Amino acid sequence: MAGASGSITISASVGRGGVNRRSDVLLVQQLINGKLSAPLRPLVEDGILGASTINAIEEIQRRDLHMNPPDGRVDPDSATYRFLTGGALNLKPQTEVKIAWGAKVSVAFKTKVIQISGNLGIDPNYLMAAMAFESVETFSASVKNAQSGATGLIQFMPSTATALGTSTGALAAMTPEAQLDYVEKYFASYKNQLHSLEDVYMVILWPAAVGKPNTSILFSKPSAAYEQNKGLDADHDGNVTKQEAAARVRAKLVKGQGAGFIG
């Protein structure tokens, strides 16, 4: 599980609600012990998940990652995991943290995305990728779908805007930074439940698929829903899976982490 510096990996989630393979738990315990400072006590490195390990994960999330509330879980490629392995979010001020598409938005926007992602317990890169896709890379509060009337950073539908106590007209008149408050409000009921890019995007596209396997079928032919989304059917088999539906968002994640976009 451990190789040269930077190549340490866990195979699955560790902590509250995680898979908790013994080798992964042991590695997380070792990583935590390498980050500990008062008032935390060193963990027994036995590969057994117990309350002390979960408490240590939560304390690091509160103290160093400003997660409120912490989720007590370490997922591969999560902010908590990257911190433990000395990754991008390691004790840097938010203005210095680099995230996908960060070079294409204001410092205030990027800082707020990091803050609300911490509140929601999601990776800010995933949220930025989803907004890049939905806003056609503009990150504009007023970008609008002429057919559906969907508006803004995550393409709020008129009915969704109403449920959030606003309107698409009001959302379009906001600054992108102000509209992020409604993005957070929309995602709030899924706090600490979104551990993958696919799940983050499903909150926007098809909430019923959150937490389901990536092979789950969202839309099938013949149906109106399939016709509306058939462009996502990459293999043209008459079904749109969760993975297929999120593929374009994943492409935005890759692009947004490239030179000239990450920042």
C-alpha atoms as a PDB file:
ATOM      1  CA  MET A   1       0.000   0.000   0.000  1.00  0.00           C
ATOM      2  CA  ALA A   2       2.946   2.347   0.476  1.00  0.00           C
ATOM      3  CA  GLY A   3       5.577   3.128  -2.104  1.00  0.00           C
ATOM      4  CA  ALA A   4       7.721   6.092  -2.845  1.00  0.00           C
ATOM      5  CA  SER A   5       6.677   9.496  -1.518  1.00  0.00           C
ATOM      6  CA  GLY A   6       3.427  10.570  -3.183  1.00  0.00           C
ATOM      7  CA  SER A   7       2.452   7.017  -4.177  1.00  0.00           C
ATOM      8  CA  ILE A   8       0.782   5.978  -0.905  1.00  0.00           C
ATOM      9  CA  THR A   9      -2.733   4.812  -1.648  1.00  0.00           C
ATOM     10  CA  ILE A  10      -5.798   3.392  -0.014  1.00  0.00           C
ATOM     11  CA  SER A  11      -8.017   1.077  -2.002  1.00  0.00           C
ATOM     12  CA  ALA A  12     -11.345   2.123  -0.478  1.00  0.00           C
ATOM     13  CA  SER A  13     -12.967   4.390   2.095  1.00  0.00           C
ATOM     14  CA  VAL A  14     -11.925   4.363   5.750  1.00  0.00           C
ATOM     15  CA  GLY A  15     -13.948   5.634   8.692  1.00  0.00           C
ATOM     16  CA  ARG A  16     -17.623   6.135   9.420  1.00  0.00           C
ATOM     17  CA  GLY A  17     -19.646   4.184   6.829  1.00  0.00           C
ATOM     18  CA  GLY A  18     -16.499   3.149   4.966  1.00  0.00           C
ATOM     19  CA  VAL A  19     -15.356  -0.182   3.546  1.00  0.00           C
ATOM     20  CA  ASN A  20     -12.632  -0.293   6.226  1.00  0.00           C
ATOM     21  CA  ARG A  21     -10.255  -2.903   4.874  1.00  0.00           C
ATOM     22  CA  ARG A  22      -7.646  -3.634   7.493  1.00  0.00           C
ATOM     23  CA  SER A  23      -4.691  -2.593   5.309  1.00  0.00           C
ATOM     24  CA  ASP A  24      -6.417   0.703   4.485  1.00  0.00           C
ATOM     25  CA  VAL A  25      -7.294   1.410   8.116  1.00  0.00           C
ATOM     26  CA  LEU A  26      -3.695   0.727   9.112  1.00  0.00           C
ATOM     27  CA  LEU A  27      -2.383   3.124   6.486  1.00  0.00           C
ATOM     28  CA  VAL A  28      -4.794   5.867   7.563  1.00  0.00           C
ATOM     29  CA  GLN A  29      -3.757   5.360  11.195  1.00  0.00           C
ATOM     30  CA  GLN A  30      -0.107   5.719  10.170  1.00  0.00           C
ATOM     31  CA  LEU A  31      -0.854   8.845   8.134  1.00  0.00           C
ATOM     32  CA  ILE A  32      -2.833  10.391  10.993  1.00  0.00           C
ATOM     33  CA  ASN A  33       0.002   9.727  13.423  1.00  0.00           C
ATOM     34  CA  GLY A  34       2.278  11.594  11.054  1.00  0.00           C
ATOM     35  CA  LYS A  35      -0.005  14.643  11.228  1.00  0.00           C
ATOM     36  CA  LEU A  36      -0.872  14.627  14.916  1.00  0.00           C
ATOM     37  CA  SER A  37      -0.236  17.488  17.272  1.00  0.00           C
ATOM     38  CA  ALA A  38      -1.651  18.320  20.697  1.00  0.00           C
ATOM     39  CA  PRO A  39      -4.281  17.695  21.932  1.00  0.00           C
ATOM     40  CA  LEU A  40      -4.553  14.518  19.852  1.00  0.00           C
ATOM     41  CA  ARG A  41      -2.911  11.330  21.100  1.00  0.00           C
ATOM     42  CA  PRO A  42      -1.104   8.867  18.808  1.00  0.00           C
ATOM     43  CA  LEU A  43      -3.284   6.053  17.531  1.00  0.00           C
ATOM     44  CA  VAL A  44      -2.553   2.374  18.017  1.00  0.00           C
ATOM     45  CA  GLU A  45      -1.583   1.190  14.536  1.00  0.00           C
ATOM     46  CA  ASP A  46      -3.496  -2.088  14.461  1.00  0.00           C
ATOM     47  CA  GLY A  47      -5.625  -1.790  11.327  1.00  0.00           C
ATOM     48  CA  ILE A  48      -8.823  -1.984  13.390  1.00  0.00           C
ATOM     49  CA  LEU A  49     -11.320   0.840  13.020  1.00  0.00           C
ATOM     50  CA  GLY A  50     -12.454   2.125  16.390  1.00  0.00           C
ATOM     51  CA  ALA A  51     -13.830   5.273  17.950  1.00  0.00           C
ATOM     52  CA  SER A  52     -10.342   6.714  18.490  1.00  0.00           C
ATOM     53  CA  THR A  53      -9.519   6.528  14.766  1.00  0.00           C
ATOM     54  CA  ILE A  54     -12.847   8.080  13.750  1.00  0.00           C
ATOM     55  CA  ASN A  55     -12.418  10.808  16.366  1.00  0.00           C
ATOM     56  CA  ALA A  56      -8.935  11.570  15.058  1.00  0.00           C
ATOM     57  CA  ILE A  57     -10.244  11.821  11.473  1.00  0.00           C
ATOM     58  CA  GLU A  58     -12.979  14.198  12.623  1.00  0.00           C
ATOM     59  CA  GLU A  59     -10.567  16.348  14.626  1.00  0.00           C
ATOM     60  CA  ILE A  60      -8.237  16.728  11.647  1.00  0.00           C
ATOM     61  CA  GLN A  61     -11.192  17.579   9.412  1.00  0.00           C
ATOM     62  CA  ARG A  62     -12.362  20.254  11.860  1.00  0.00           C
ATOM     63  CA  ARG A  63      -8.965  21.661  12.719  1.00  0.00           C
ATOM     64  CA  ASP A  64      -7.124  21.548   9.411  1.00  0.00           C
ATOM     65  CA  LEU A  65      -9.797  21.288   6.703  1.00  0.00           C
ATOM     66  CA  HIS A  66     -12.463  23.431   8.421  1.00  0.00           C
ATOM     67  CA  MET A  67     -15.201  20.885   7.735  1.00  0.00           C
ATOM     68  CA  ASN A  68     -18.320  21.690   9.723  1.00  0.00           C
ATOM     69  CA  PRO A  69     -19.549  19.155  10.534  1.00  0.00           C
ATOM     70  CA  PRO A  70     -16.775  16.615   9.799  1.00  0.00           C
ATOM     71  CA  ASP A  71     -17.842  13.260   8.345  1.00  0.00           C
ATOM     72  CA  GLY A  72     -15.235  11.054  10.042  1.00  0.00           C
ATOM     73  CA  ARG A  73     -14.333   9.385   6.768  1.00  0.00           C
ATOM     74  CA  VAL A  74     -11.329   9.224   4.434  1.00  0.00           C
ATOM     75  CA  ASP A  75     -12.081   8.454   0.793  1.00  0.00           C
ATOM     76  CA  PRO A  76      -9.517   7.955  -1.974  1.00  0.00           C
ATOM     77  CA  ASP A  77      -8.890  11.310  -3.724  1.00  0.00           C
ATOM     78  CA  SER A  78     -10.828  13.220  -1.045  1.00  0.00           C
ATOM     79  CA  ALA A  79      -9.674  16.469   0.539  1.00  0.00           C
ATOM     80  CA  THR A  80      -9.013  14.624   3.806  1.00  0.00           C
ATOM     81  CA  TYR A  81      -6.892  11.983   2.071  1.00  0.00           C
ATOM     82  CA  ARG A  82      -4.904  14.572   0.143  1.00  0.00           C
ATOM     83  CA  PHE A  83      -4.230  16.442   3.363  1.00  0.00           C
ATOM     84  CA  LEU A  84      -3.020  13.315   5.119  1.00  0.00           C
ATOM     85  CA  THR A  85      -0.677  12.493   2.247  1.00  0.00           C
ATOM     86  CA  GLY A  86       0.610  16.060   1.931  1.00  0.00           C
ATOM     87  CA  GLY A  87      -1.579  16.955  -1.022  1.00  0.00           C
ATOM     88  CA  ALA A  88      -3.000  20.173  -2.374  1.00  0.00           C
ATOM     89  CA  LEU A  89      -5.095  21.176   0.614  1.00  0.00           C
ATOM     90  CA  ASN A  90      -2.306  20.794   3.177  1.00  0.00           C
ATOM     91  CA  LEU A  91      -2.540  23.825   5.493  1.00  0.00           C
ATOM     92  CA  LYS A  92      -2.397  26.364   2.674  1.00  0.00           C
ATOM     93  CA  PRO A  93      -4.512  29.520   2.825  1.00  0.00           C
ATOM     94  CA  GLN A  94      -7.557  29.140   0.587  1.00  0.00           C
ATOM     95  CA  THR A  95      -6.199  31.773  -1.797  1.00  0.00           C
ATOM     96  CA  GLU A  96      -3.194  29.509  -2.416  1.00  0.00           C
ATOM     97  CA  VAL A  97      -5.111  26.268  -2.838  1.00  0.00           C
ATOM     98  CA  LYS A  98      -5.381  25.253  -6.480  1.00  0.00           C
ATOM     99  CA  ILE A  99      -8.632  23.730  -7.702  1.00  0.00           C
ATOM    100  CA  ALA A 100     -10.047  22.819 -11.086  1.00  0.00           C
ATOM    101  CA  TRP A 101     -11.082  25.909 -13.081  1.00  0.00           C
ATOM    102  CA  GLY A 102      -9.804  28.159 -10.306  1.00  0.00           C
ATOM    103  CA  ALA A 103      -7.852  30.266 -12.801  1.00  0.00           C
ATOM    104  CA  LYS A 104     -11.080  31.107 -14.647  1.00  0.00           C
ATOM    105  CA  VAL A 105     -13.025  32.559 -11.707  1.00  0.00           C
ATOM    106  CA  SER A 106     -12.451  35.333  -9.182  1.00  0.00           C
ATOM    107  CA  VAL A 107     -10.467  34.720  -6.017  1.00  0.00           C
ATOM    108  CA  ALA A 108     -13.643  35.430  -4.059  1.00  0.00           C
ATOM    109  CA  PHE A 109     -15.550  32.822  -6.070  1.00  0.00           C
ATOM    110  CA  LYS A 110     -12.842  30.184  -5.625  1.00  0.00           C
ATOM    111  CA  THR A 111     -12.547  30.875  -1.895  1.00  0.00           C
ATOM    112  CA  LYS A 112     -16.295  30.575  -1.453  1.00  0.00           C
ATOM    113  CA  VAL A 113     -16.423  27.304  -3.402  1.00  0.00           C
ATOM    114  CA  ILE A 114     -13.764  25.846  -1.095  1.00  0.00           C
ATOM    115  CA  GLN A 115     -15.694  27.036   1.952  1.00  0.00           C
ATOM    116  CA  ILE A 116     -19.075  25.676   0.919  1.00  0.00           C
ATOM    117  CA  SER A 117     -17.509  22.417  -0.292  1.00  0.00           C
ATOM    118  CA  GLY A 118     -16.068  22.021   3.203  1.00  0.00           C
ATOM    119  CA  ASN A 119     -19.496  22.708   4.678  1.00  0.00           C
ATOM    120  CA  LEU A 120     -21.066  20.109   2.403  1.00  0.00           C
ATOM    121  CA  GLY A 121     -18.295  17.527   2.757  1.00  0.00           C
ATOM    122  CA  ILE A 122     -17.539  17.325  -0.959  1.00  0.00           C
ATOM    123  CA  ASP A 123     -14.423  17.796  -3.076  1.00  0.00           C
ATOM    124  CA  PRO A 124     -14.385  21.376  -4.457  1.00  0.00           C
ATOM    125  CA  ASN A 125     -12.922  20.067  -7.712  1.00  0.00           C
ATOM    126  CA  TYR A 126     -16.071  18.029  -8.274  1.00  0.00           C
ATOM    127  CA  LEU A 127     -18.328  21.019  -7.688  1.00  0.00           C
ATOM    128  CA  MET A 128     -16.239  23.196 -10.000  1.00  0.00           C
ATOM    129  CA  ALA A 129     -16.371  20.548 -12.744  1.00  0.00           C
ATOM    130  CA  ALA A 130     -20.148  20.297 -12.446  1.00  0.00           C
ATOM    131  CA  MET A 131     -20.554  24.075 -12.639  1.00  0.00           C
ATOM    132  CA  ALA A 132     -18.151  24.277 -15.581  1.00  0.00           C
ATOM    133  CA  PHE A 133     -20.304  21.773 -17.447  1.00  0.00           C
ATOM    134  CA  GLU A 134     -23.657  23.277 -16.526  1.00  0.00           C
ATOM    135  CA  SER A 135     -22.583  26.857 -17.267  1.00  0.00           C
ATOM    136  CA  VAL A 136     -20.759  25.955 -20.499  1.00  0.00           C
ATOM    137  CA  GLU A 137     -17.468  26.977 -18.836  1.00  0.00           C
ATOM    138  CA  THR A 138     -18.697  30.543 -18.256  1.00  0.00           C
ATOM    139  CA  PHE A 139     -19.358  30.359 -14.488  1.00  0.00           C
ATOM    140  CA  SER A 140     -21.995  32.980 -15.201  1.00  0.00           C
ATOM    141  CA  ALA A 141     -24.972  33.556 -12.924  1.00  0.00           C
ATOM    142  CA  SER A 142     -27.142  34.501 -15.906  1.00  0.00           C
ATOM    143  CA  VAL A 143     -26.308  31.831 -18.507  1.00  0.00           C
ATOM    144  CA  LYS A 144     -29.655  30.396 -19.590  1.00  0.00           C
ATOM    145  CA  ASN A 145     -31.023  27.412 -21.466  1.00  0.00           C
ATOM    146  CA  ALA A 146     -33.407  28.877 -24.012  1.00  0.00           C
ATOM    147  CA  GLN A 147     -35.615  25.771 -24.089  1.00  0.00           C
ATOM    148  CA  SER A 148     -36.005  24.884 -20.405  1.00  0.00           C
ATOM    149  CA  GLY A 149     -35.400  28.256 -18.799  1.00  0.00           C
ATOM    150  CA  ALA A 150     -32.718  26.706 -16.567  1.00  0.00           C
ATOM    151  CA  THR A 151     -30.391  29.424 -15.334  1.00  0.00           C
ATOM    152  CA  GLY A 152     -27.020  29.955 -13.750  1.00  0.00           C
ATOM    153  CA  LEU A 153     -24.130  28.010 -12.283  1.00  0.00           C
ATOM    154  CA  ILE A 154     -25.939  24.677 -11.945  1.00  0.00           C
ATOM    155  CA  GLN A 155     -28.793  25.511 -14.325  1.00  0.00           C
ATOM    156  CA  PHE A 156     -31.519  26.026 -11.737  1.00  0.00           C
ATOM    157  CA  MET A 157     -34.918  25.099 -13.160  1.00  0.00           C
ATOM    158  CA  PRO A 158     -37.705  27.636 -12.513  1.00  0.00           C
ATOM    159  CA  SER A 159     -39.457  25.191 -10.159  1.00  0.00           C
ATOM    160  CA  THR A 160     -36.203  24.571  -8.288  1.00  0.00           C
ATOM    161  CA  ALA A 161     -35.608  28.290  -7.883  1.00  0.00           C
ATOM    162  CA  THR A 162     -39.092  28.693  -6.455  1.00  0.00           C
ATOM    163  CA  ALA A 163     -38.490  25.847  -3.985  1.00  0.00           C
ATOM    164  CA  LEU A 164     -35.329  27.645  -2.848  1.00  0.00           C
ATOM    165  CA  GLY A 165     -37.280  30.836  -2.201  1.00  0.00           C
ATOM    166  CA  THR A 166     -36.165  32.766  -5.263  1.00  0.00           C
ATOM    167  CA  SER A 167     -36.684  32.872  -9.040  1.00  0.00           C
ATOM    168  CA  THR A 168     -34.558  32.344 -12.102  1.00  0.00           C
ATOM    169  CA  GLY A 169     -34.842  36.065 -12.810  1.00  0.00           C
ATOM    170  CA  ALA A 170     -33.468  36.927  -9.387  1.00  0.00           C
ATOM    171  CA  LEU A 171     -30.736  34.319  -9.722  1.00  0.00           C
ATOM    172  CA  ALA A 172     -29.691  35.717 -13.098  1.00  0.00           C
ATOM    173  CA  ALA A 173     -29.367  39.200 -11.588  1.00  0.00           C
ATOM    174  CA  MET A 174     -26.951  38.011  -8.882  1.00  0.00           C
ATOM    175  CA  THR A 175     -23.191  37.966  -9.015  1.00  0.00           C
ATOM    176  CA  PRO A 176     -21.756  34.448  -9.410  1.00  0.00           C
ATOM    177  CA  GLU A 177     -20.380  34.738  -5.866  1.00  0.00           C
ATOM    178  CA  ALA A 178     -23.831  35.526  -4.460  1.00  0.00           C
ATOM    179  CA  GLN A 179     -25.476  32.725  -6.447  1.00  0.00           C
ATOM    180  CA  LEU A 180     -23.140  30.235  -4.759  1.00  0.00           C
ATOM    181  CA  ASP A 181     -25.284  30.628  -1.628  1.00  0.00           C
ATOM    182  CA  TYR A 182     -28.152  29.027  -3.549  1.00  0.00           C
ATOM    183  CA  VAL A 183     -25.858  26.310  -4.880  1.00  0.00           C
ATOM    184  CA  GLU A 184     -25.012  25.455  -1.279  1.00  0.00           C
ATOM    185  CA  LYS A 185     -28.676  25.616  -0.285  1.00  0.00           C
ATOM    186  CA  TYR A 186     -29.598  23.264  -3.126  1.00  0.00           C
ATOM    187  CA  PHE A 187     -26.931  20.726  -2.118  1.00  0.00           C
ATOM    188  CA  ALA A 188     -27.544  21.026   1.642  1.00  0.00           C
ATOM    189  CA  SER A 189     -29.787  17.971   1.997  1.00  0.00           C
ATOM    190  CA  TYR A 190     -26.956  15.804   0.621  1.00  0.00           C
ATOM    191  CA  LYS A 191     -24.329  17.016   3.093  1.00  0.00           C
ATOM    192  CA  ASN A 192     -21.588  14.430   3.706  1.00  0.00           C
ATOM    193  CA  GLN A 193     -23.216  11.961   1.286  1.00  0.00           C
ATOM    194  CA  LEU A 194     -21.363  12.855  -1.912  1.00  0.00           C
ATOM    195  CA  HIS A 195     -18.056  11.022  -2.220  1.00  0.00           C
ATOM    196  CA  SER A 196     -17.666  10.875  -6.001  1.00  0.00           C
ATOM    197  CA  LEU A 197     -17.889  13.184  -8.994  1.00  0.00           C
ATOM    198  CA  GLU A 198     -20.793  11.128 -10.280  1.00  0.00           C
ATOM    199  CA  ASP A 199     -22.822  11.628  -7.110  1.00  0.00           C
ATOM    200  CA  VAL A 200     -22.143  15.365  -7.072  1.00  0.00           C
ATOM    201  CA  TYR A 201     -23.447  15.633 -10.622  1.00  0.00           C
ATOM    202  CA  MET A 202     -26.438  13.384  -9.945  1.00  0.00           C
ATOM    203  CA  VAL A 203     -27.714  15.940  -7.409  1.00  0.00           C
ATOM    204  CA  ILE A 204     -28.095  18.271 -10.385  1.00  0.00           C
ATOM    205  CA  LEU A 205     -29.209  15.849 -13.085  1.00  0.00           C
ATOM    206  CA  TRP A 206     -31.012  12.950 -11.399  1.00  0.00           C
ATOM    207  CA  PRO A 207     -31.036  12.987  -7.580  1.00  0.00           C
ATOM    208  CA  ALA A 208     -32.609   9.537  -7.352  1.00  0.00           C
ATOM    209  CA  ALA A 209     -29.284   8.091  -8.549  1.00  0.00           C
ATOM    210  CA  VAL A 210     -27.196   9.521  -5.691  1.00  0.00           C
ATOM    211  CA  GLY A 211     -25.446   6.671  -3.891  1.00  0.00           C
ATOM    212  CA  LYS A 212     -26.255   4.098  -6.574  1.00  0.00           C
ATOM    213  CA  PRO A 213     -23.596   2.209  -8.568  1.00  0.00           C
ATOM    214  CA  ASN A 214     -22.190   3.953 -11.633  1.00  0.00           C
ATOM    215  CA  THR A 215     -23.623   1.130 -13.743  1.00  0.00           C
ATOM    216  CA  SER A 216     -27.174   2.078 -12.732  1.00  0.00           C
ATOM    217  CA  ILE A 217     -29.443   2.914 -15.655  1.00  0.00           C
ATOM    218  CA  LEU A 218     -31.005   6.373 -15.483  1.00  0.00           C
ATOM    219  CA  PHE A 219     -32.900   6.548 -18.768  1.00  0.00           C
ATOM    220  CA  SER A 220     -33.994   3.836 -21.178  1.00  0.00           C
ATOM    221  CA  LYS A 221     -35.442   3.817 -24.654  1.00  0.00           C
ATOM    222  CA  PRO A 222     -38.276   4.357 -25.409  1.00  0.00           C
ATOM    223  CA  SER A 223     -39.136   7.214 -23.049  1.00  0.00           C
ATOM    224  CA  ALA A 224     -39.329  10.978 -23.084  1.00  0.00           C
ATOM    225  CA  ALA A 225     -36.521  11.130 -20.515  1.00  0.00           C
ATOM    226  CA  TYR A 226     -34.285   9.067 -22.779  1.00  0.00           C
ATOM    227  CA  GLU A 227     -35.056  11.254 -25.788  1.00  0.00           C
ATOM    228  CA  GLN A 228     -34.125  14.342 -23.790  1.00  0.00           C
ATOM    229  CA  ASN A 229     -30.836  12.772 -22.731  1.00  0.00           C
ATOM    230  CA  LYS A 230     -29.959  10.437 -25.589  1.00  0.00           C
ATOM    231  CA  GLY A 231     -26.865  12.485 -26.352  1.00  0.00           C
ATOM    232  CA  LEU A 232     -25.374  10.973 -23.202  1.00  0.00           C
ATOM    233  CA  ASP A 233     -25.785   7.401 -24.468  1.00  0.00           C
ATOM    234  CA  ALA A 234     -22.149   6.894 -25.436  1.00  0.00           C
ATOM    235  CA  ASP A 235     -22.473   3.277 -26.606  1.00  0.00           C
ATOM    236  CA  HIS A 236     -25.869   3.826 -28.237  1.00  0.00           C
ATOM    237  CA  ASP A 237     -27.410   0.803 -26.534  1.00  0.00           C
ATOM    238  CA  GLY A 238     -30.667   2.533 -25.644  1.00  0.00           C
ATOM    239  CA  ASN A 239     -29.675   3.086 -22.018  1.00  0.00           C
ATOM    240  CA  VAL A 240     -27.981   5.989 -20.251  1.00  0.00           C
ATOM    241  CA  THR A 241     -26.045   4.842 -17.200  1.00  0.00           C
ATOM    242  CA  LYS A 242     -24.938   7.010 -14.305  1.00  0.00           C
ATOM    243  CA  GLN A 243     -21.352   6.775 -15.526  1.00  0.00           C
ATOM    244  CA  GLU A 244     -22.301   7.778 -19.055  1.00  0.00           C
ATOM    245  CA  ALA A 245     -24.365  10.694 -17.767  1.00  0.00           C
ATOM    246  CA  ALA A 246     -21.415  12.054 -15.787  1.00  0.00           C
ATOM    247  CA  ALA A 247     -18.744  11.378 -18.427  1.00  0.00           C
ATOM    248  CA  ARG A 248     -18.834  14.896 -19.835  1.00  0.00           C
ATOM    249  CA  VAL A 249     -18.531  16.337 -16.336  1.00  0.00           C
ATOM    250  CA  ARG A 250     -15.500  14.140 -15.720  1.00  0.00           C
ATOM    251  CA  ALA A 251     -14.018  15.512 -18.939  1.00  0.00           C
ATOM    252  CA  LYS A 252     -14.523  19.012 -17.522  1.00  0.00           C
ATOM    253  CA  LEU A 253     -12.723  17.926 -14.352  1.00  0.00           C
ATOM    254  CA  VAL A 254      -9.737  16.731 -16.382  1.00  0.00           C
ATOM    255  CA  LYS A 255      -9.701  19.885 -18.484  1.00  0.00           C
ATOM    256  CA  GLY A 256     -10.113  22.117 -15.431  1.00  0.00           C
ATOM    257  CA  GLN A 257      -7.095  20.539 -13.738  1.00  0.00           C
ATOM    258  CA  GLY A 258      -4.909  21.264 -16.746  1.00  0.00           C
ATOM    259  CA  ALA A 259      -2.498  24.130 -17.356  1.00  0.00           C
ATOM    260  CA  GLY A 260      -4.212  27.467 -17.754  1.00  0.00           C
ATOM    261  CA  PHE A 261      -7.338  26.330 -15.933  1.00  0.00           C
ATOM    262  CA  ILE A 262      -6.272  25.072 -12.522  1.00  0.00           C
ATOM    263  CA  GLY A 263      -5.620  27.856 -10.065  1.00  0.00           C
END
